[in-house]
N, C-alpha and C. Protein backbone atom coordinates (compact mmCIF):
# COMPACT_ATOMS: atom_id res chain seq x y z
N MET A 1 0.93 13.01 37.23
CA MET A 1 0.36 11.87 36.50
C MET A 1 -0.84 12.30 35.68
N THR A 2 -1.72 13.14 36.28
CA THR A 2 -2.90 13.59 35.56
C THR A 2 -2.53 14.39 34.32
N ARG A 3 -1.54 15.29 34.47
CA ARG A 3 -1.13 16.10 33.32
C ARG A 3 -0.56 15.21 32.22
N GLN A 4 0.16 14.17 32.59
CA GLN A 4 0.73 13.27 31.58
C GLN A 4 -0.39 12.56 30.81
N LEU A 5 -1.43 12.13 31.53
CA LEU A 5 -2.53 11.44 30.87
C LEU A 5 -3.28 12.40 29.94
N GLU A 6 -3.44 13.65 30.37
CA GLU A 6 -4.14 14.62 29.54
C GLU A 6 -3.36 14.91 28.26
N LEU A 7 -2.04 14.88 28.33
CA LEU A 7 -1.23 15.12 27.15
C LEU A 7 -1.22 13.91 26.22
N GLU A 8 -1.37 12.73 26.79
CA GLU A 8 -1.33 11.51 25.99
C GLU A 8 -2.61 11.30 25.20
N ARG A 9 -3.74 11.70 25.77
CA ARG A 9 -5.03 11.38 25.16
C ARG A 9 -5.20 11.93 23.75
N PRO A 10 -4.95 13.21 23.50
CA PRO A 10 -5.15 13.67 22.12
C PRO A 10 -4.24 13.00 21.11
N ARG A 11 -3.02 12.60 21.53
CA ARG A 11 -2.13 11.91 20.61
C ARG A 11 -2.72 10.56 20.23
N LEU A 12 -3.28 9.84 21.19
CA LEU A 12 -3.89 8.55 20.90
C LEU A 12 -5.16 8.72 20.08
N LEU A 13 -5.93 9.76 20.35
CA LEU A 13 -7.14 10.03 19.59
C LEU A 13 -6.79 10.34 18.14
N THR A 14 -5.72 11.06 17.95
CA THR A 14 -5.26 11.35 16.59
C THR A 14 -4.92 10.06 15.85
N ASP A 15 -4.31 9.11 16.55
CA ASP A 15 -3.99 7.81 15.94
C ASP A 15 -5.25 7.11 15.45
N VAL A 16 -6.27 7.09 16.30
CA VAL A 16 -7.53 6.42 15.96
C VAL A 16 -8.21 7.11 14.78
N VAL A 17 -8.27 8.42 14.84
CA VAL A 17 -8.90 9.19 13.77
C VAL A 17 -8.14 8.99 12.46
N GLY A 18 -6.82 9.04 12.54
CA GLY A 18 -6.00 8.86 11.35
C GLY A 18 -6.21 7.49 10.72
N GLU A 19 -6.31 6.46 11.55
CA GLU A 19 -6.50 5.11 11.02
C GLU A 19 -7.86 4.98 10.34
N ARG A 20 -8.88 5.61 10.91
CA ARG A 20 -10.22 5.52 10.31
C ARG A 20 -10.28 6.25 8.97
N ILE A 21 -9.63 7.41 8.91
CA ILE A 21 -9.60 8.13 7.63
C ILE A 21 -8.79 7.35 6.62
N ARG A 22 -7.68 6.77 7.07
CA ARG A 22 -6.86 5.97 6.17
C ARG A 22 -7.66 4.80 5.60
N GLU A 23 -8.41 4.11 6.47
CA GLU A 23 -9.22 2.98 6.02
C GLU A 23 -10.26 3.43 5.00
N ALA A 24 -10.84 4.61 5.21
CA ALA A 24 -11.85 5.13 4.29
C ALA A 24 -11.23 5.43 2.92
N ILE A 25 -10.00 5.92 2.92
CA ILE A 25 -9.31 6.20 1.66
C ILE A 25 -8.96 4.90 0.95
N VAL A 26 -8.37 3.97 1.69
CA VAL A 26 -7.92 2.70 1.09
C VAL A 26 -9.10 1.91 0.55
N SER A 27 -10.20 1.85 1.31
CA SER A 27 -11.35 1.03 0.92
C SER A 27 -12.15 1.65 -0.22
N GLY A 28 -11.98 2.96 -0.43
CA GLY A 28 -12.73 3.62 -1.49
C GLY A 28 -13.93 4.39 -0.99
N ASP A 29 -14.19 4.39 0.33
CA ASP A 29 -15.29 5.19 0.87
C ASP A 29 -15.05 6.67 0.59
N LEU A 30 -13.78 7.07 0.62
CA LEU A 30 -13.38 8.40 0.18
C LEU A 30 -12.73 8.23 -1.19
N LYS A 31 -13.22 8.94 -2.18
CA LYS A 31 -12.77 8.76 -3.56
C LYS A 31 -11.46 9.50 -3.80
N LEU A 32 -10.68 8.99 -4.75
CA LEU A 32 -9.45 9.67 -5.14
C LEU A 32 -9.80 11.05 -5.69
N GLY A 33 -9.11 12.07 -5.21
CA GLY A 33 -9.37 13.44 -5.63
C GLY A 33 -10.50 14.13 -4.89
N GLU A 34 -11.19 13.42 -4.02
CA GLU A 34 -12.32 14.00 -3.29
C GLU A 34 -11.83 14.99 -2.23
N GLN A 35 -12.53 16.11 -2.14
CA GLN A 35 -12.18 17.08 -1.10
C GLN A 35 -12.70 16.60 0.24
N VAL A 36 -11.90 16.75 1.28
CA VAL A 36 -12.31 16.34 2.62
C VAL A 36 -12.37 17.57 3.51
N SER A 37 -13.37 17.58 4.36
CA SER A 37 -13.60 18.71 5.26
C SER A 37 -13.30 18.29 6.69
N GLU A 38 -12.46 19.06 7.36
CA GLU A 38 -12.16 18.78 8.76
C GLU A 38 -13.44 18.77 9.58
N ALA A 39 -14.31 19.73 9.34
CA ALA A 39 -15.54 19.85 10.13
C ALA A 39 -16.46 18.64 9.90
N GLN A 40 -16.61 18.22 8.65
CA GLN A 40 -17.49 17.09 8.35
C GLN A 40 -16.93 15.79 8.92
N LEU A 41 -15.62 15.59 8.78
CA LEU A 41 -15.01 14.38 9.32
C LEU A 41 -15.13 14.36 10.84
N ALA A 42 -14.92 15.52 11.46
CA ALA A 42 -15.02 15.60 12.92
C ALA A 42 -16.44 15.26 13.37
N ALA A 43 -17.44 15.80 12.66
CA ALA A 43 -18.83 15.53 13.02
C ALA A 43 -19.18 14.06 12.85
N LEU A 44 -18.71 13.45 11.76
CA LEU A 44 -18.99 12.04 11.51
C LEU A 44 -18.40 11.14 12.59
N MET A 45 -17.22 11.51 13.09
CA MET A 45 -16.54 10.66 14.08
C MET A 45 -16.80 11.11 15.51
N GLY A 46 -17.52 12.20 15.69
CA GLY A 46 -17.84 12.67 17.03
C GLY A 46 -16.65 13.18 17.82
N VAL A 47 -15.75 13.85 17.11
CA VAL A 47 -14.56 14.40 17.77
C VAL A 47 -14.43 15.87 17.36
N SER A 48 -13.49 16.57 18.00
CA SER A 48 -13.23 17.94 17.61
C SER A 48 -12.40 17.97 16.33
N LYS A 49 -12.23 19.14 15.77
CA LYS A 49 -11.46 19.26 14.53
C LYS A 49 -9.96 19.08 14.76
N THR A 50 -9.50 19.25 16.00
CA THR A 50 -8.06 19.19 16.26
C THR A 50 -7.44 17.84 15.90
N PRO A 51 -7.98 16.70 16.41
CA PRO A 51 -7.36 15.41 16.03
C PRO A 51 -7.52 15.12 14.55
N VAL A 52 -8.60 15.61 13.92
CA VAL A 52 -8.77 15.42 12.48
C VAL A 52 -7.68 16.18 11.73
N ARG A 53 -7.44 17.42 12.15
CA ARG A 53 -6.41 18.23 11.49
C ARG A 53 -5.04 17.57 11.64
N GLU A 54 -4.74 17.08 12.84
CA GLU A 54 -3.45 16.43 13.08
C GLU A 54 -3.33 15.13 12.27
N ALA A 55 -4.44 14.39 12.19
CA ALA A 55 -4.43 13.14 11.42
C ALA A 55 -4.19 13.42 9.94
N LEU A 56 -4.79 14.47 9.42
CA LEU A 56 -4.62 14.80 8.00
C LEU A 56 -3.18 15.20 7.69
N VAL A 57 -2.52 15.84 8.66
CA VAL A 57 -1.11 16.19 8.47
C VAL A 57 -0.28 14.90 8.34
N ARG A 58 -0.58 13.91 9.16
CA ARG A 58 0.14 12.63 9.08
C ARG A 58 -0.15 11.92 7.76
N LEU A 59 -1.40 11.94 7.36
CA LEU A 59 -1.78 11.27 6.11
C LEU A 59 -1.16 11.97 4.91
N GLN A 60 -0.95 13.28 5.04
CA GLN A 60 -0.26 13.99 3.96
C GLN A 60 1.17 13.49 3.83
N SER A 61 1.83 13.24 4.95
CA SER A 61 3.21 12.73 4.91
C SER A 61 3.28 11.34 4.33
N GLN A 62 2.16 10.59 4.37
CA GLN A 62 2.10 9.25 3.79
C GLN A 62 1.65 9.28 2.33
N GLY A 63 1.35 10.46 1.83
CA GLY A 63 0.93 10.59 0.44
C GLY A 63 -0.54 10.31 0.19
N LEU A 64 -1.34 10.18 1.25
CA LEU A 64 -2.74 9.83 1.06
C LEU A 64 -3.65 11.04 0.90
N VAL A 65 -3.22 12.19 1.37
CA VAL A 65 -3.99 13.42 1.12
C VAL A 65 -3.04 14.49 0.61
N GLN A 66 -3.61 15.43 -0.11
CA GLN A 66 -2.84 16.54 -0.66
C GLN A 66 -3.50 17.84 -0.23
N VAL A 67 -2.69 18.76 0.28
CA VAL A 67 -3.20 20.05 0.75
C VAL A 67 -2.86 21.11 -0.29
N HIS A 68 -3.91 21.77 -0.78
CA HIS A 68 -3.72 22.83 -1.77
C HIS A 68 -4.11 24.16 -1.13
N PRO A 69 -3.16 25.06 -0.93
CA PRO A 69 -3.46 26.36 -0.31
C PRO A 69 -4.62 27.07 -1.01
N GLN A 70 -5.49 27.66 -0.22
CA GLN A 70 -6.65 28.41 -0.70
C GLN A 70 -7.73 27.53 -1.31
N ARG A 71 -7.46 26.23 -1.43
CA ARG A 71 -8.45 25.32 -2.03
C ARG A 71 -8.95 24.29 -1.04
N GLY A 72 -8.07 23.73 -0.24
CA GLY A 72 -8.48 22.75 0.74
C GLY A 72 -7.65 21.48 0.70
N THR A 73 -8.15 20.46 1.38
CA THR A 73 -7.47 19.16 1.48
C THR A 73 -8.24 18.14 0.65
N PHE A 74 -7.50 17.35 -0.12
CA PHE A 74 -8.10 16.39 -1.03
C PHE A 74 -7.43 15.03 -0.87
N VAL A 75 -8.21 13.97 -1.07
CA VAL A 75 -7.63 12.63 -1.17
C VAL A 75 -6.69 12.63 -2.38
N PHE A 76 -5.57 11.98 -2.27
CA PHE A 76 -4.59 11.98 -3.35
C PHE A 76 -5.18 11.42 -4.64
N ARG A 77 -4.67 11.89 -5.74
CA ARG A 77 -4.95 11.29 -7.04
C ARG A 77 -3.73 11.56 -7.91
N LEU A 78 -3.23 10.52 -8.56
CA LEU A 78 -2.00 10.64 -9.34
C LEU A 78 -2.31 10.90 -10.81
N THR A 79 -1.44 11.67 -11.45
CA THR A 79 -1.52 11.86 -12.88
C THR A 79 -0.97 10.60 -13.55
N PRO A 80 -1.24 10.39 -14.85
CA PRO A 80 -0.66 9.24 -15.54
C PRO A 80 0.86 9.20 -15.42
N GLU A 81 1.50 10.36 -15.48
CA GLU A 81 2.96 10.41 -15.35
C GLU A 81 3.40 9.96 -13.95
N GLN A 82 2.67 10.38 -12.93
CA GLN A 82 3.02 9.99 -11.56
C GLN A 82 2.80 8.49 -11.34
N VAL A 83 1.76 7.94 -11.96
CA VAL A 83 1.54 6.49 -11.86
C VAL A 83 2.73 5.75 -12.44
N GLY A 84 3.22 6.20 -13.58
CA GLY A 84 4.38 5.57 -14.19
C GLY A 84 5.61 5.67 -13.30
N GLN A 85 5.80 6.83 -12.69
CA GLN A 85 6.92 7.01 -11.78
C GLN A 85 6.81 6.08 -10.57
N LEU A 86 5.60 5.97 -10.03
CA LEU A 86 5.39 5.09 -8.88
C LEU A 86 5.71 3.64 -9.24
N CYS A 87 5.22 3.19 -10.41
CA CYS A 87 5.43 1.80 -10.81
C CYS A 87 6.91 1.51 -11.05
N ARG A 88 7.61 2.43 -11.68
CA ARG A 88 9.04 2.21 -11.94
C ARG A 88 9.84 2.21 -10.65
N PHE A 89 9.51 3.09 -9.72
CA PHE A 89 10.21 3.10 -8.44
C PHE A 89 9.89 1.85 -7.64
N ARG A 90 8.63 1.44 -7.69
CA ARG A 90 8.24 0.21 -7.00
C ARG A 90 9.00 -0.98 -7.55
N ALA A 91 9.12 -1.07 -8.88
CA ALA A 91 9.87 -2.17 -9.49
C ALA A 91 11.31 -2.16 -9.03
N LEU A 92 11.88 -0.97 -8.92
CA LEU A 92 13.27 -0.83 -8.50
C LEU A 92 13.50 -1.37 -7.09
N VAL A 93 12.68 -0.90 -6.14
CA VAL A 93 12.90 -1.29 -4.74
C VAL A 93 12.48 -2.74 -4.49
N GLU A 94 11.42 -3.21 -5.16
CA GLU A 94 10.98 -4.58 -4.92
C GLU A 94 11.98 -5.60 -5.47
N THR A 95 12.52 -5.34 -6.65
CA THR A 95 13.48 -6.30 -7.18
C THR A 95 14.75 -6.33 -6.34
N GLU A 96 15.16 -5.19 -5.81
CA GLU A 96 16.34 -5.17 -4.93
C GLU A 96 16.04 -5.91 -3.63
N ALA A 97 14.85 -5.67 -3.07
CA ALA A 97 14.47 -6.37 -1.84
C ALA A 97 14.41 -7.88 -2.07
N LEU A 98 13.88 -8.28 -3.22
CA LEU A 98 13.80 -9.71 -3.53
C LEU A 98 15.19 -10.33 -3.61
N ARG A 99 16.11 -9.65 -4.28
CA ARG A 99 17.47 -10.16 -4.40
C ARG A 99 18.12 -10.32 -3.03
N GLU A 100 17.98 -9.31 -2.19
CA GLU A 100 18.61 -9.37 -0.88
C GLU A 100 17.93 -10.42 0.01
N ALA A 101 16.62 -10.55 -0.11
CA ALA A 101 15.90 -11.55 0.70
C ALA A 101 16.28 -12.96 0.27
N MET A 102 16.44 -13.18 -1.04
CA MET A 102 16.85 -14.50 -1.51
C MET A 102 18.25 -14.85 -1.03
N ALA A 103 19.11 -13.87 -0.97
CA ALA A 103 20.48 -14.12 -0.50
C ALA A 103 20.52 -14.33 1.00
N ALA A 104 19.64 -13.64 1.74
CA ALA A 104 19.70 -13.70 3.20
C ALA A 104 18.99 -14.91 3.77
N ASN A 105 17.80 -15.23 3.26
CA ASN A 105 17.02 -16.34 3.83
C ASN A 105 15.95 -16.78 2.83
N ARG A 106 16.40 -17.46 1.79
CA ARG A 106 15.47 -17.85 0.73
C ARG A 106 14.40 -18.80 1.23
N ALA A 107 14.71 -19.67 2.16
CA ALA A 107 13.73 -20.64 2.66
C ALA A 107 12.57 -19.94 3.35
N ALA A 108 12.88 -18.98 4.21
CA ALA A 108 11.82 -18.25 4.91
C ALA A 108 11.01 -17.40 3.95
N LEU A 109 11.69 -16.78 2.99
CA LEU A 109 11.00 -15.99 1.98
C LEU A 109 10.03 -16.87 1.20
N LEU A 110 10.50 -18.01 0.76
CA LEU A 110 9.67 -18.91 -0.03
C LEU A 110 8.46 -19.40 0.76
N LYS A 111 8.67 -19.69 2.02
CA LYS A 111 7.57 -20.14 2.87
C LYS A 111 6.48 -19.07 2.96
N GLY A 112 6.89 -17.82 3.16
CA GLY A 112 5.92 -16.74 3.25
C GLY A 112 5.17 -16.51 1.95
N MET A 113 5.90 -16.59 0.84
CA MET A 113 5.26 -16.41 -0.46
C MET A 113 4.25 -17.51 -0.74
N LYS A 114 4.61 -18.74 -0.43
CA LYS A 114 3.70 -19.87 -0.65
C LYS A 114 2.43 -19.74 0.18
N GLN A 115 2.57 -19.29 1.42
CA GLN A 115 1.41 -19.12 2.27
C GLN A 115 0.46 -18.07 1.69
N CYS A 116 1.03 -16.99 1.17
CA CYS A 116 0.20 -15.95 0.56
C CYS A 116 -0.55 -16.48 -0.66
N VAL A 117 0.12 -17.27 -1.50
CA VAL A 117 -0.54 -17.82 -2.68
C VAL A 117 -1.66 -18.77 -2.26
N LYS A 118 -1.44 -19.52 -1.21
CA LYS A 118 -2.49 -20.42 -0.69
C LYS A 118 -3.72 -19.61 -0.28
N GLU A 119 -3.49 -18.50 0.40
CA GLU A 119 -4.61 -17.64 0.81
C GLU A 119 -5.25 -16.97 -0.40
N MET A 120 -4.44 -16.64 -1.40
CA MET A 120 -4.98 -16.05 -2.63
C MET A 120 -5.94 -16.99 -3.31
N LYS A 121 -5.61 -18.27 -3.35
CA LYS A 121 -6.47 -19.25 -4.00
C LYS A 121 -7.85 -19.25 -3.37
N ALA A 122 -7.90 -19.22 -2.06
CA ALA A 122 -9.18 -19.22 -1.36
C ALA A 122 -9.95 -17.93 -1.62
N ALA A 123 -9.25 -16.81 -1.59
CA ALA A 123 -9.91 -15.52 -1.83
C ALA A 123 -10.37 -15.39 -3.27
N GLU A 124 -9.57 -15.90 -4.20
CA GLU A 124 -9.94 -15.84 -5.61
C GLU A 124 -11.17 -16.70 -5.87
N ALA A 125 -11.21 -17.88 -5.27
CA ALA A 125 -12.36 -18.76 -5.44
C ALA A 125 -13.64 -18.12 -4.88
N ALA A 126 -13.48 -17.36 -3.80
CA ALA A 126 -14.64 -16.70 -3.17
C ALA A 126 -14.94 -15.35 -3.79
N ARG A 127 -14.11 -14.92 -4.74
CA ARG A 127 -14.23 -13.60 -5.36
C ARG A 127 -14.24 -12.50 -4.29
N ASP A 128 -13.42 -12.71 -3.28
CA ASP A 128 -13.29 -11.73 -2.19
C ASP A 128 -12.22 -10.72 -2.59
N LEU A 129 -12.62 -9.66 -3.28
CA LEU A 129 -11.67 -8.71 -3.83
C LEU A 129 -10.90 -7.93 -2.76
N PRO A 130 -11.55 -7.49 -1.68
CA PRO A 130 -10.77 -6.82 -0.63
C PRO A 130 -9.70 -7.72 -0.03
N ALA A 131 -10.04 -9.01 0.15
CA ALA A 131 -9.05 -9.95 0.69
C ALA A 131 -7.91 -10.15 -0.30
N LEU A 132 -8.22 -10.22 -1.59
CA LEU A 132 -7.18 -10.38 -2.59
C LEU A 132 -6.21 -9.20 -2.57
N ALA A 133 -6.74 -8.00 -2.42
CA ALA A 133 -5.89 -6.81 -2.37
C ALA A 133 -4.99 -6.87 -1.14
N ARG A 134 -5.56 -7.28 -0.02
CA ARG A 134 -4.77 -7.36 1.23
C ARG A 134 -3.68 -8.43 1.11
N ILE A 135 -4.03 -9.58 0.55
CA ILE A 135 -3.05 -10.67 0.42
C ILE A 135 -1.98 -10.31 -0.59
N ASP A 136 -2.37 -9.61 -1.64
CA ASP A 136 -1.41 -9.14 -2.64
C ASP A 136 -0.35 -8.27 -1.96
N MET A 137 -0.80 -7.34 -1.11
CA MET A 137 0.16 -6.51 -0.36
C MET A 137 1.05 -7.36 0.51
N ALA A 138 0.46 -8.36 1.17
CA ALA A 138 1.23 -9.22 2.07
C ALA A 138 2.27 -10.03 1.30
N PHE A 139 1.91 -10.48 0.09
CA PHE A 139 2.85 -11.24 -0.73
C PHE A 139 4.08 -10.41 -1.04
N HIS A 140 3.86 -9.19 -1.51
CA HIS A 140 5.00 -8.35 -1.90
C HIS A 140 5.76 -7.84 -0.68
N TRP A 141 5.09 -7.77 0.46
CA TRP A 141 5.80 -7.37 1.67
C TRP A 141 6.79 -8.45 2.11
N GLN A 142 6.58 -9.69 1.69
CA GLN A 142 7.52 -10.75 2.06
C GLN A 142 8.95 -10.40 1.64
N PHE A 143 9.10 -9.74 0.50
CA PHE A 143 10.45 -9.37 0.04
C PHE A 143 11.13 -8.47 1.07
N PHE A 144 10.36 -7.56 1.65
CA PHE A 144 10.92 -6.60 2.60
C PHE A 144 11.01 -7.19 4.00
N GLU A 145 10.08 -8.09 4.32
CA GLU A 145 10.10 -8.76 5.61
C GLU A 145 11.41 -9.53 5.79
N HIS A 146 11.92 -10.10 4.71
CA HIS A 146 13.12 -10.94 4.78
C HIS A 146 14.35 -10.26 4.20
N CYS A 147 14.20 -8.98 3.84
CA CYS A 147 15.34 -8.21 3.34
C CYS A 147 16.10 -7.61 4.52
N PRO A 148 17.40 -7.81 4.62
CA PRO A 148 18.15 -7.33 5.79
C PRO A 148 18.42 -5.82 5.77
N SER A 149 18.14 -5.14 4.66
CA SER A 149 18.49 -3.72 4.56
C SER A 149 17.34 -2.82 4.99
N PRO A 150 17.52 -2.04 6.05
CA PRO A 150 16.47 -1.09 6.46
C PRO A 150 16.30 0.03 5.44
N TYR A 151 17.32 0.29 4.65
CA TYR A 151 17.22 1.36 3.66
C TYR A 151 16.29 0.97 2.52
N VAL A 152 16.34 -0.29 2.12
CA VAL A 152 15.44 -0.76 1.07
C VAL A 152 14.00 -0.74 1.58
N ARG A 153 13.79 -1.18 2.82
CA ARG A 153 12.44 -1.15 3.39
C ARG A 153 11.93 0.28 3.47
N ALA A 154 12.79 1.21 3.84
CA ALA A 154 12.38 2.62 3.93
C ALA A 154 11.97 3.14 2.56
N GLY A 155 12.64 2.68 1.52
CA GLY A 155 12.28 3.09 0.17
C GLY A 155 10.87 2.65 -0.19
N TYR A 156 10.47 1.47 0.27
CA TYR A 156 9.13 0.97 -0.02
C TYR A 156 8.07 1.75 0.75
N GLU A 157 8.40 2.19 1.96
CA GLU A 157 7.43 2.92 2.76
C GLU A 157 6.99 4.21 2.09
N VAL A 158 7.83 4.76 1.21
CA VAL A 158 7.49 5.99 0.50
C VAL A 158 6.22 5.82 -0.32
N LEU A 159 6.02 4.64 -0.87
CA LEU A 159 4.87 4.42 -1.76
C LEU A 159 3.83 3.46 -1.21
N ARG A 160 4.08 2.89 -0.06
CA ARG A 160 3.24 1.80 0.44
C ARG A 160 1.77 2.19 0.61
N SER A 161 1.51 3.37 1.17
CA SER A 161 0.13 3.77 1.44
C SER A 161 -0.64 4.01 0.15
N GLN A 162 -0.03 4.74 -0.80
CA GLN A 162 -0.70 4.98 -2.07
C GLN A 162 -0.91 3.67 -2.82
N LEU A 163 0.07 2.80 -2.77
CA LEU A 163 -0.03 1.52 -3.46
C LEU A 163 -1.18 0.69 -2.89
N THR A 164 -1.34 0.70 -1.57
CA THR A 164 -2.44 -0.03 -0.94
C THR A 164 -3.78 0.47 -1.44
N ALA A 165 -3.93 1.79 -1.51
CA ALA A 165 -5.19 2.37 -1.98
C ALA A 165 -5.45 2.02 -3.44
N LEU A 166 -4.41 2.05 -4.27
CA LEU A 166 -4.58 1.72 -5.69
C LEU A 166 -4.93 0.25 -5.87
N ARG A 167 -4.32 -0.62 -5.08
CA ARG A 167 -4.61 -2.05 -5.20
C ARG A 167 -6.08 -2.35 -4.92
N HIS A 168 -6.65 -1.69 -3.91
CA HIS A 168 -8.05 -1.93 -3.58
C HIS A 168 -8.98 -1.43 -4.66
N ARG A 169 -8.52 -0.52 -5.51
CA ARG A 169 -9.35 0.03 -6.57
C ARG A 169 -9.13 -0.66 -7.91
N SER A 170 -8.17 -1.56 -7.98
CA SER A 170 -7.85 -2.20 -9.26
C SER A 170 -7.47 -3.65 -9.03
N PRO A 171 -8.45 -4.48 -8.64
CA PRO A 171 -8.15 -5.89 -8.36
C PRO A 171 -7.58 -6.61 -9.58
N ILE A 172 -6.62 -7.46 -9.35
CA ILE A 172 -5.97 -8.19 -10.43
C ILE A 172 -6.79 -9.42 -10.79
N ASP A 173 -6.86 -9.73 -12.08
CA ASP A 173 -7.70 -10.83 -12.54
C ASP A 173 -7.05 -12.20 -12.33
N ASN A 174 -5.73 -12.24 -12.48
CA ASN A 174 -5.03 -13.53 -12.43
C ASN A 174 -4.06 -13.57 -11.24
N ALA A 175 -4.58 -13.29 -10.06
CA ALA A 175 -3.74 -13.13 -8.88
C ALA A 175 -2.89 -14.39 -8.62
N VAL A 176 -3.52 -15.54 -8.61
CA VAL A 176 -2.81 -16.76 -8.24
C VAL A 176 -1.72 -17.10 -9.27
N SER A 177 -2.09 -17.14 -10.53
CA SER A 177 -1.12 -17.55 -11.55
C SER A 177 0.03 -16.56 -11.69
N SER A 178 -0.26 -15.25 -11.58
CA SER A 178 0.79 -14.26 -11.76
C SER A 178 1.76 -14.23 -10.59
N HIS A 179 1.32 -14.70 -9.43
CA HIS A 179 2.22 -14.76 -8.28
C HIS A 179 2.89 -16.13 -8.14
N GLN A 180 2.24 -17.17 -8.65
CA GLN A 180 2.82 -18.50 -8.57
C GLN A 180 4.12 -18.58 -9.37
N VAL A 181 4.18 -17.87 -10.51
CA VAL A 181 5.41 -17.92 -11.31
C VAL A 181 6.59 -17.30 -10.54
N LEU A 182 6.29 -16.33 -9.69
CA LEU A 182 7.34 -15.74 -8.86
C LEU A 182 7.79 -16.73 -7.79
N VAL A 183 6.83 -17.45 -7.22
CA VAL A 183 7.16 -18.49 -6.23
C VAL A 183 8.06 -19.54 -6.87
N ASP A 184 7.71 -19.94 -8.07
CA ASP A 184 8.49 -20.98 -8.76
C ASP A 184 9.92 -20.51 -9.02
N ALA A 185 10.08 -19.26 -9.44
CA ALA A 185 11.42 -18.74 -9.73
C ALA A 185 12.26 -18.65 -8.46
N VAL A 186 11.64 -18.22 -7.38
CA VAL A 186 12.37 -18.16 -6.10
C VAL A 186 12.71 -19.58 -5.64
N GLY A 187 11.78 -20.50 -5.83
CA GLY A 187 12.03 -21.89 -5.46
C GLY A 187 13.19 -22.49 -6.23
N ASP A 188 13.34 -22.08 -7.49
CA ASP A 188 14.45 -22.56 -8.31
C ASP A 188 15.77 -21.90 -7.94
N GLY A 189 15.68 -20.82 -7.17
CA GLY A 189 16.90 -20.12 -6.77
C GLY A 189 17.49 -19.25 -7.85
N ASP A 190 16.72 -18.97 -8.89
CA ASP A 190 17.19 -18.18 -10.03
C ASP A 190 16.91 -16.70 -9.75
N VAL A 191 17.91 -16.00 -9.22
CA VAL A 191 17.73 -14.61 -8.82
C VAL A 191 17.41 -13.72 -10.02
N ASP A 192 18.13 -13.90 -11.11
CA ASP A 192 17.91 -13.05 -12.28
C ASP A 192 16.52 -13.26 -12.88
N ALA A 193 16.10 -14.51 -12.98
CA ALA A 193 14.78 -14.80 -13.54
C ALA A 193 13.68 -14.25 -12.63
N ALA A 194 13.85 -14.43 -11.32
CA ALA A 194 12.86 -13.93 -10.37
C ALA A 194 12.76 -12.41 -10.44
N GLY A 195 13.91 -11.75 -10.52
CA GLY A 195 13.91 -10.30 -10.61
C GLY A 195 13.25 -9.80 -11.88
N ALA A 196 13.53 -10.46 -13.01
CA ALA A 196 12.93 -10.05 -14.28
C ALA A 196 11.42 -10.27 -14.27
N LEU A 197 10.98 -11.39 -13.73
CA LEU A 197 9.55 -11.66 -13.64
C LEU A 197 8.85 -10.66 -12.73
N LEU A 198 9.49 -10.33 -11.63
CA LEU A 198 8.90 -9.37 -10.69
C LEU A 198 8.78 -8.00 -11.34
N ARG A 199 9.82 -7.56 -12.02
CA ARG A 199 9.76 -6.25 -12.68
C ARG A 199 8.62 -6.21 -13.70
N GLU A 200 8.49 -7.26 -14.49
CA GLU A 200 7.42 -7.32 -15.48
C GLU A 200 6.05 -7.31 -14.79
N HIS A 201 5.95 -8.06 -13.73
CA HIS A 201 4.70 -8.16 -12.95
C HIS A 201 4.29 -6.79 -12.42
N VAL A 202 5.25 -6.05 -11.86
CA VAL A 202 4.96 -4.74 -11.29
C VAL A 202 4.55 -3.75 -12.38
N LEU A 203 5.29 -3.70 -13.46
CA LEU A 203 5.01 -2.73 -14.52
C LEU A 203 3.71 -3.03 -15.26
N ASP A 204 3.28 -4.29 -15.24
CA ASP A 204 2.01 -4.64 -15.87
C ASP A 204 0.82 -3.98 -15.16
N ASN A 205 1.03 -3.53 -13.92
CA ASN A 205 -0.06 -2.92 -13.17
C ASN A 205 -0.34 -1.48 -13.59
N GLU A 206 0.58 -0.87 -14.32
CA GLU A 206 0.45 0.56 -14.61
C GLU A 206 -0.88 0.93 -15.27
N PRO A 207 -1.34 0.23 -16.30
CA PRO A 207 -2.63 0.61 -16.91
C PRO A 207 -3.80 0.56 -15.91
N ARG A 208 -3.81 -0.43 -15.04
CA ARG A 208 -4.89 -0.54 -14.06
C ARG A 208 -4.83 0.60 -13.06
N TYR A 209 -3.65 0.95 -12.63
CA TYR A 209 -3.50 2.05 -11.66
C TYR A 209 -3.89 3.39 -12.30
N ARG A 210 -3.54 3.55 -13.58
CA ARG A 210 -3.94 4.78 -14.27
C ARG A 210 -5.45 4.88 -14.34
N ALA A 211 -6.10 3.78 -14.66
CA ALA A 211 -7.55 3.76 -14.73
C ALA A 211 -8.18 4.08 -13.37
N ALA A 212 -7.59 3.54 -12.31
CA ALA A 212 -8.09 3.80 -10.97
C ALA A 212 -8.01 5.28 -10.61
N CYS A 213 -7.01 5.96 -11.16
CA CYS A 213 -6.82 7.39 -10.90
C CYS A 213 -7.59 8.25 -11.89
N GLY A 214 -8.32 7.62 -12.80
CA GLY A 214 -9.11 8.37 -13.76
C GLY A 214 -8.33 8.80 -14.97
N GLY A 215 -7.12 8.21 -15.17
CA GLY A 215 -6.31 8.58 -16.32
C GLY A 215 -6.50 7.61 -17.47
N ALA A 216 -5.95 7.98 -18.61
CA ALA A 216 -6.08 7.13 -19.80
C ALA A 216 -5.14 5.97 -19.72
């Protein structure tokens, strides 16, 4: 029993360390492109370098850090071309998820979307930008929450972490109105119109995401 507990502890510590580093990246405490030091992170969190190293390996698999041999580990930063690729792929998987969710359970999807817009209104009125970014993610997750295909959800997971970090760095000005039109289209049951609006909505984010990454 003791040996089992000793083996479990570093794995759980790695989870905690990884979540804290992830939060620092998403919130902007760690800047895009910033070099991160295992030793400095370990000292800040009062842990050894081992769980930090393991956490960074996990974050690399999520696209949040990039390891460059002979140079070190850096918070991710996308080129303008990569931002375009991310947005186009996001539009692809989100519109497919929306279509499948509308076919599978449009009522539940609509309920979730409406609740998110309600929360957006309160956050927008309070100018709570971190809350708006979080609710924005929750709104778009509704498509996947109600999509019956695990393959479509897996496609979204490829970009979810980077997208979360970019959203926190590029708050949308018209959150409520730009999402309400999607609610209305889903409420009307017009799959093609909803899909077209969603694709336009997603691609409109590209300039903001490029700016967040320091691109033109």
